[in-house]
Amino acid sequence: MKVPFLNLKAQYDAIADEVQQSIGEVMANCAFSGGPYVEKFEEEFAAFCGSRYAAGVGSGTEALWLVLLGLGIGAGDEVITVPNSFIATAEAITLCGATPVFVDIDQKSYTMDPALLENAITTRTKAVIPVHLYGQTADMDPILAIADRHGLAVIEDACQAHGAEYKGRRAGSLGHAACFSFYPGKNLGAYGEAGGVVTADEQLARRIRMLRDHGQSRKYYHNVIGMNGRMDGIQGAVLSVKLKYLEGWNARRRDHAQWYRKNLSGITAVKTPQEMDYARHVYHVFAVRTSNREQMKEALHASGIECGVHYPVPIHLQEAYSASGKAPGSFPFAECCAAELLSLPMFPELTEHQIQYICQEVRRISDAP
């Protein structure tokens, strides 16, 4: 049996008529860059997150970068985050001229360990970016409390957490601002590159909207130096269609996670992800932990099962960040995850039969001498 890691075609087929109609409206109205379809999605997504404002931008990376710029973070400043994220989290900090400072992660949630945060704060620290990894939020209450004591902004990297919750509150409503990626493979994905910022801070929202549009307050009047970071109208329209289905898709992902847990139970060589008691996990990724990750991945591939690795090299050990001076062993839990986590297929249209087959093969490979 062939099981893809992701099947965007199956999702498209289910909503093709609505998507084509929405794209046709954008084309007929020539509303290609920003405009009413982006504004409509911004209103809908801010409401979905339980916040006041949203700004559509070109990618999740731009969202992170523009928030940092909007907060005035730049050269000489430090921003604390984690090393087990996609590199964009650190890239955005570096692109502002600031320095990323890493803290290790909690062994159960794979997100920022709040107990390590305070020791990383210096006089140059200006913000904290906890990463809501794989669809589960970081433990935000202690992070927010520590940040508040030190006068730091908290920016949620929610690029993998569309619809995730922390103690009943949605990702996007927890920090000073939150950044989302709408890359096609995300729980809420566009049909190209797109991202968004959500915030309850009206002044910050206004500044991000200026920065994404060449610093304009109105056409040809440039208050600050900005850039072209606008969302395309087609992406705004597509995202409005897909947002209506997100809760149902997330519910299916949660069902799939339960099926995985049931069928993988008793395999001592494989540890399934833990949903923390404060969280509603939306399983952007279902990453299991195994000490023989590469052998497992190769064997599953031979059985027709596509898997992924998120992420094989932690940021502090990437060549791009070699100047950080952080050697192997600096963040042991993040490094352990990089060596042992294997992402199994996870998408709403996955079937129980496919999951049973995947788990059957995982069990067979684990039991092999």
Protein backbone atom coordinates (compact mmCIF):
# COMPACT_ATOMS: atom_id res chain seq x y z
CA MET A 1 0.00 0.00 0.00
CA LYS A 2 1.18 3.53 -0.84
CA VAL A 3 0.58 6.14 1.85
CA PRO A 4 1.67 9.72 1.12
CA PHE A 5 3.01 11.95 3.87
CA LEU A 6 0.58 14.67 2.75
CA ASN A 7 -2.25 14.70 0.19
CA LEU A 8 -3.18 18.23 -0.83
CA LYS A 9 -5.01 16.95 -3.93
CA ALA A 10 -7.59 15.10 -1.81
CA GLN A 11 -8.35 18.27 0.12
CA TYR A 12 -8.59 20.36 -3.04
CA ASP A 13 -10.96 17.89 -4.71
CA ALA A 14 -13.37 18.19 -1.77
CA ILE A 15 -13.64 21.98 -2.03
CA ALA A 16 -12.71 22.59 -5.67
CA ASP A 17 -15.98 24.26 -6.72
CA GLU A 18 -15.85 26.80 -3.88
CA VAL A 19 -12.18 27.51 -4.45
CA GLN A 20 -12.61 28.00 -8.18
CA GLN A 21 -15.54 30.34 -7.61
CA SER A 22 -13.56 32.43 -5.13
CA ILE A 23 -10.55 32.65 -7.44
CA GLY A 24 -12.86 33.58 -10.32
CA GLU A 25 -14.25 36.48 -8.28
CA VAL A 26 -10.74 37.79 -7.60
CA MET A 27 -9.88 37.54 -11.28
CA ALA A 28 -13.13 39.23 -12.38
CA ASN A 29 -12.55 42.11 -9.97
CA CYS A 30 -8.78 42.29 -10.65
CA ALA A 31 -8.17 42.48 -6.88
CA PHE A 32 -4.76 40.85 -7.10
CA SER A 33 -2.59 42.47 -4.42
CA GLY A 34 -4.10 43.12 -1.00
CA GLY A 35 -7.61 44.51 -1.38
CA PRO A 36 -11.06 43.36 -0.29
CA TYR A 37 -10.46 39.60 -0.33
CA VAL A 38 -7.44 39.92 1.91
CA GLU A 39 -9.31 42.31 4.20
CA LYS A 40 -12.21 39.86 4.46
CA PHE A 41 -9.89 37.04 5.43
CA GLU A 42 -8.08 39.25 7.94
CA GLU A 43 -11.36 39.99 9.75
CA GLU A 44 -12.39 36.33 9.72
CA PHE A 45 -9.04 35.03 10.92
CA ALA A 46 -8.70 37.58 13.72
CA ALA A 47 -12.15 36.53 14.96
CA PHE A 48 -11.23 32.85 14.64
CA CYS A 49 -8.15 33.40 16.83
CA GLY A 50 -10.11 35.41 19.40
CA SER A 51 -8.15 38.57 18.70
CA ARG A 52 -8.89 42.01 17.26
CA TYR A 53 -6.64 42.54 14.27
CA ALA A 54 -4.95 40.50 11.58
CA ALA A 55 -2.59 41.54 8.80
CA GLY A 56 -2.07 39.29 5.80
CA VAL A 57 1.52 39.14 4.57
CA GLY A 58 3.61 37.18 2.10
CA SER A 59 4.80 34.31 4.34
CA GLY A 60 5.22 33.16 7.92
CA THR A 61 8.82 34.35 7.81
CA GLU A 62 7.68 37.84 6.85
CA ALA A 63 5.12 37.75 9.64
CA LEU A 64 7.84 37.10 12.23
CA TRP A 65 10.16 39.69 10.72
CA LEU A 66 7.50 42.41 10.47
CA VAL A 67 6.36 41.92 14.06
CA LEU A 68 9.91 42.32 15.30
CA LEU A 69 10.39 45.43 13.16
CA GLY A 70 7.04 46.74 14.32
CA LEU A 71 8.17 46.39 17.92
CA GLY A 72 11.33 48.35 17.16
CA ILE A 73 13.69 45.40 17.70
CA GLY A 74 17.03 45.75 15.95
CA ALA A 75 20.81 45.85 16.22
CA GLY A 76 22.16 45.13 19.69
CA ASP A 77 18.94 43.50 20.90
CA GLU A 78 18.43 39.87 21.87
CA VAL A 79 15.35 37.71 21.31
CA ILE A 80 14.96 34.39 23.12
CA THR A 81 13.56 31.36 21.29
CA VAL A 82 14.17 27.61 20.93
CA PRO A 83 16.61 25.74 18.66
CA ASN A 84 14.17 23.00 17.53
CA SER A 85 12.14 25.04 15.08
CA PHE A 86 12.28 25.73 11.37
CA ILE A 87 15.12 28.17 10.78
CA ALA A 88 12.70 31.01 9.90
CA THR A 89 12.14 31.67 13.61
CA ALA A 90 15.80 32.57 14.09
CA GLU A 91 16.18 34.06 10.59
CA ALA A 92 13.58 36.73 11.31
CA ILE A 93 15.48 37.76 14.45
CA THR A 94 18.76 37.92 12.56
CA LEU A 95 17.24 39.85 9.65
CA CYS A 96 16.24 42.58 12.10
CA GLY A 97 19.84 42.89 13.20
CA ALA A 98 19.10 41.30 16.58
CA THR A 99 20.65 38.15 18.04
CA PRO A 100 18.71 34.92 18.66
CA VAL A 101 19.34 33.42 22.09
CA PHE A 102 18.27 29.81 22.54
CA VAL A 103 16.86 27.94 25.52
CA ASP A 104 16.22 24.21 25.60
CA ILE A 105 12.84 22.53 25.47
CA ASP A 106 10.60 20.53 27.74
CA GLN A 107 11.02 16.78 27.21
CA LYS A 108 7.27 16.07 27.03
CA SER A 109 5.86 18.90 24.92
CA TYR A 110 8.97 19.65 22.78
CA THR A 111 8.24 23.35 23.33
CA MET A 112 10.12 26.03 25.30
CA ASP A 113 10.92 25.03 28.88
CA PRO A 114 9.72 27.98 30.99
CA ALA A 115 12.05 26.94 33.83
CA LEU A 116 15.04 27.84 31.63
CA LEU A 117 13.77 31.16 30.35
CA GLU A 118 14.68 33.56 33.14
CA ASN A 119 18.36 32.60 33.21
CA ALA A 120 18.64 33.49 29.51
CA ILE A 121 17.38 37.06 29.98
CA THR A 122 19.97 39.86 29.87
CA THR A 123 19.81 43.64 29.73
CA ARG A 124 19.71 43.35 25.93
CA THR A 125 16.70 41.00 25.80
CA LYS A 126 13.68 42.62 24.18
CA ALA A 127 11.34 39.75 23.30
CA VAL A 128 10.57 36.04 23.64
CA ILE A 129 9.34 33.85 20.78
CA PRO A 130 7.91 30.56 22.06
CA VAL A 131 7.23 28.15 19.19
CA HIS A 132 3.94 26.26 19.17
CA LEU A 133 5.51 23.18 17.66
CA TYR A 134 3.79 20.45 15.61
CA GLY A 135 0.33 21.84 16.49
CA GLN A 136 0.66 22.19 20.28
CA THR A 137 1.11 25.48 22.14
CA ALA A 138 3.97 26.19 24.47
CA ASP A 139 3.17 26.50 28.19
CA MET A 140 2.28 30.17 27.93
CA ASP A 141 1.25 31.28 31.44
CA PRO A 142 4.73 30.99 33.04
CA ILE A 143 6.37 32.39 29.89
CA LEU A 144 4.06 35.42 29.94
CA ALA A 145 4.57 35.93 33.67
CA ILE A 146 8.36 35.93 33.33
CA ALA A 147 8.23 38.23 30.32
CA ASP A 148 5.94 40.63 32.13
CA ARG A 149 8.33 40.86 35.08
CA HIS A 150 11.12 41.85 32.71
CA GLY A 151 9.10 44.08 30.39
CA LEU A 152 9.50 41.79 27.36
CA ALA A 153 7.20 41.31 24.39
CA VAL A 154 5.98 37.76 23.76
CA ILE A 155 5.50 36.79 20.12
CA GLU A 156 3.81 33.46 19.42
CA ASP A 157 5.35 31.52 16.56
CA ALA A 158 2.06 29.87 15.69
CA CYS A 159 3.07 28.85 12.18
CA GLN A 160 2.13 25.22 12.96
CA ALA A 161 -0.76 25.87 15.34
CA HIS A 162 -3.84 27.09 13.45
CA GLY A 163 -6.72 26.40 15.84
CA ALA A 164 -4.60 25.01 18.68
CA GLU A 165 -5.67 26.03 22.18
CA TYR A 166 -4.06 26.78 25.51
CA LYS A 167 -6.41 26.48 28.50
CA GLY A 168 -9.36 27.15 26.21
CA ARG A 169 -7.81 30.13 24.40
CA ARG A 170 -6.75 29.97 20.78
CA ALA A 171 -3.20 30.33 19.58
CA GLY A 172 -3.02 33.90 18.36
CA SER A 173 -4.70 35.38 21.42
CA LEU A 174 -2.04 34.59 24.02
CA GLY A 175 0.94 36.89 23.40
CA HIS A 176 1.46 40.47 22.29
CA ALA A 177 1.27 39.20 18.72
CA ALA A 178 1.21 35.87 16.90
CA CYS A 179 2.65 34.85 13.56
CA PHE A 180 1.12 32.28 11.22
CA SER A 181 2.31 30.60 8.06
CA PHE A 182 -0.24 29.65 5.42
CA TYR A 183 2.24 27.57 3.45
CA PRO A 184 0.20 24.99 1.45
CA GLY A 185 0.97 22.05 3.76
CA LYS A 186 -0.18 23.77 6.96
CA ASN A 187 -3.47 22.97 8.72
CA LEU A 188 -4.75 26.14 7.05
CA GLY A 189 -2.77 26.42 3.85
CA ALA A 190 -2.95 28.82 0.91
CA TYR A 191 -2.33 27.89 -2.72
CA GLY A 192 1.08 29.52 -2.68
CA GLU A 193 3.08 31.54 -0.17
CA ALA A 194 1.19 33.51 2.49
CA GLY A 195 1.36 34.41 6.16
CA GLY A 196 -0.35 36.53 8.77
CA VAL A 197 0.07 38.47 11.99
CA VAL A 198 -2.64 38.52 14.67
CA THR A 199 -2.64 41.00 17.54
CA ALA A 200 -4.93 42.88 19.90
CA ASP A 201 -2.60 45.92 19.73
CA GLU A 202 -4.11 48.45 17.33
CA GLN A 203 -0.92 50.51 17.06
CA LEU A 204 1.20 47.44 16.28
CA ALA A 205 -1.32 46.24 13.68
CA ARG A 206 -1.26 49.67 12.00
CA ARG A 207 2.53 49.71 11.94
CA ILE A 208 2.76 46.20 10.44
CA ARG A 209 0.28 47.18 7.74
CA MET A 210 2.48 50.15 6.86
CA LEU A 211 5.67 48.11 6.91
CA ARG A 212 4.22 45.44 4.59
CA ASP A 213 3.25 48.16 2.09
CA HIS A 214 6.51 50.10 1.68
CA GLY A 215 5.89 52.14 4.83
CA GLN A 216 2.86 53.88 3.34
CA SER A 217 0.12 55.43 5.48
CA ARG A 218 -1.66 56.21 2.20
CA LYS A 219 -0.66 55.83 -1.43
CA TYR A 220 2.74 57.42 -2.12
CA TYR A 221 3.05 58.85 1.41
CA HIS A 222 5.79 56.85 3.14
CA ASN A 223 6.03 57.36 6.90
CA VAL A 224 8.71 54.72 7.48
CA ILE A 225 10.99 52.53 5.39
CA GLY A 226 9.09 49.35 4.69
CA MET A 227 8.99 46.59 2.11
CA ASN A 228 6.62 44.71 -0.19
CA GLY A 229 5.10 42.13 2.15
CA ARG A 230 1.49 42.14 0.99
CA MET A 231 -0.71 39.04 0.71
CA ASP A 232 -2.09 38.26 -2.74
CA GLY A 233 -5.83 38.64 -3.24
CA ILE A 234 -6.13 35.09 -4.55
CA GLN A 235 -4.55 33.72 -1.37
CA GLY A 236 -6.92 35.76 0.80
CA ALA A 237 -9.92 34.41 -1.09
CA VAL A 238 -8.71 30.79 -0.93
CA LEU A 239 -7.99 31.08 2.80
CA SER A 240 -11.48 32.44 3.46
CA VAL A 241 -12.94 29.34 1.82
CA LYS A 242 -10.66 26.97 3.70
CA LEU A 243 -11.09 28.66 7.08
CA LYS A 244 -14.70 27.44 7.16
CA TYR A 245 -13.44 23.85 7.16
CA LEU A 246 -10.48 24.22 9.52
CA GLU A 247 -12.21 23.08 12.70
CA GLY A 248 -13.51 19.94 10.98
CA TRP A 249 -10.09 19.20 9.51
CA ASN A 250 -8.45 19.69 12.90
CA ALA A 251 -10.99 17.37 14.51
CA ARG A 252 -10.06 14.69 11.98
CA ARG A 253 -6.37 15.16 12.76
CA ARG A 254 -7.14 14.67 16.45
CA ASP A 255 -9.07 11.49 15.62
CA HIS A 256 -6.10 10.25 13.57
CA ALA A 257 -3.81 10.90 16.54
CA GLN A 258 -6.03 8.73 18.72
CA TRP A 259 -5.98 5.94 16.13
CA TYR A 260 -2.21 6.15 15.97
CA ARG A 261 -1.92 5.95 19.75
CA LYS A 262 -4.27 2.98 19.93
CA ASN A 263 -2.47 1.05 17.21
CA LEU A 264 1.05 1.92 18.38
CA SER A 265 0.42 1.10 22.03
CA GLY A 266 2.74 -1.48 23.51
CA ILE A 267 5.61 -0.80 21.09
CA THR A 268 8.35 0.04 23.56
CA ALA A 269 10.72 1.30 20.85
CA VAL A 270 8.29 4.02 19.78
CA LYS A 271 7.04 6.93 21.88
CA THR A 272 3.98 8.81 20.64
CA PRO A 273 3.55 12.57 21.13
CA GLN A 274 2.01 13.70 24.40
CA GLU A 275 -0.89 16.13 24.52
CA MET A 276 -0.27 18.34 27.54
CA ASP A 277 -3.08 18.88 30.02
CA TYR A 278 -3.19 22.60 29.18
CA ALA A 279 -3.41 22.05 25.42
CA ARG A 280 -5.71 21.21 22.56
CA HIS A 281 -3.26 19.78 20.04
CA VAL A 282 -4.14 20.08 16.34
CA TYR A 283 -1.42 17.70 15.06
CA HIS A 284 0.09 19.60 12.18
CA VAL A 285 2.73 16.88 12.54
CA PHE A 286 2.46 13.51 14.29
CA ALA A 287 6.07 12.95 15.36
CA VAL A 288 6.98 9.73 17.12
CA ARG A 289 10.26 9.26 18.94
CA THR A 290 12.50 6.28 18.23
CA SER A 291 16.20 5.65 18.75
CA ASN A 292 16.51 3.97 15.33
CA ARG A 293 14.89 6.79 13.37
CA GLU A 294 16.83 6.44 10.11
CA GLN A 295 16.35 2.68 9.90
CA MET A 296 12.64 3.11 10.67
CA LYS A 297 12.26 5.78 8.01
CA GLU A 298 14.02 3.69 5.35
CA ALA A 299 12.00 0.58 6.19
CA LEU A 300 8.70 2.46 6.09
CA HIS A 301 9.65 4.01 2.76
CA ALA A 302 10.32 0.51 1.43
CA SER A 303 6.76 -0.38 2.52
CA GLY A 304 5.32 2.55 0.54
CA ILE A 305 4.90 4.88 3.52
CA GLU A 306 6.25 8.42 3.19
CA CYS A 307 7.60 10.01 6.38
CA GLY A 308 9.33 13.26 7.28
CA VAL A 309 11.86 14.57 9.78
CA HIS A 310 11.13 17.86 11.57
CA TYR A 311 13.95 18.87 12.03
CA PRO A 312 17.19 16.88 11.58
CA VAL A 313 19.61 19.66 12.59
CA PRO A 314 18.77 22.08 15.42
CA ILE A 315 19.27 25.74 14.55
CA HIS A 316 22.31 26.30 16.77
CA LEU A 317 24.15 23.51 14.89
CA GLN A 318 23.27 24.76 11.41
CA GLU A 319 26.19 26.12 9.40
CA ALA A 320 24.29 29.38 9.01
CA TYR A 321 24.50 29.87 12.79
CA SER A 322 28.02 28.56 13.35
CA ALA A 323 29.02 32.02 14.62
CA SER A 324 26.79 31.47 17.65
CA GLY A 325 29.55 29.33 19.13
CA LYS A 326 27.09 26.75 20.46
CA ALA A 327 28.61 23.28 20.31
CA PRO A 328 26.84 19.91 20.31
CA GLY A 329 25.49 19.26 23.79
CA SER A 330 24.48 22.90 24.38
CA PHE A 331 20.76 22.04 24.25
CA PRO A 332 20.54 18.29 24.87
CA PHE A 333 16.77 17.81 24.66
CA ALA A 334 16.44 19.73 21.40
CA GLU A 335 19.36 17.74 19.99
CA CYS A 336 17.76 14.48 21.11
CA CYS A 337 14.57 15.41 19.26
CA ALA A 338 16.57 16.22 16.14
CA ALA A 339 18.09 12.73 16.26
CA GLU A 340 15.01 10.70 17.21
CA LEU A 341 11.74 12.25 15.97
CA LEU A 342 10.05 10.78 12.90
CA SER A 343 6.93 12.38 11.42
CA LEU A 344 4.33 9.86 10.26
CA PRO A 345 1.69 10.71 7.62
CA MET A 346 -0.88 13.19 8.95
CA PHE A 347 -3.58 14.95 6.96
CA PRO A 348 -7.37 15.15 7.35
CA GLU A 349 -8.15 12.76 4.50
CA LEU A 350 -5.97 9.98 5.90
CA THR A 351 -8.06 6.83 6.49
CA GLU A 352 -8.20 4.51 9.48
CA HIS A 353 -7.17 1.67 7.16
CA GLN A 354 -4.05 3.60 6.14
CA ILE A 355 -3.19 4.32 9.77
CA GLN A 356 -3.62 0.65 10.67
CA TYR A 357 -1.24 -0.29 7.87
CA ILE A 358 1.33 2.31 8.98
CA CYS A 359 1.16 1.08 12.56
CA GLN A 360 1.34 -2.55 11.47
CA GLU A 361 4.55 -1.77 9.59
CA VAL A 362 6.00 0.23 12.51
CA ARG A 363 5.31 -2.74 14.79
CA ARG A 364 6.84 -5.21 12.31
CA ILE A 365 9.98 -3.09 11.92
CA SER A 366 10.28 -2.57 15.68
CA ASP A 367 9.99 -6.31 16.35
CA ALA A 368 12.53 -7.27 13.69
CA PRO A 369 15.86 -8.60 15.08
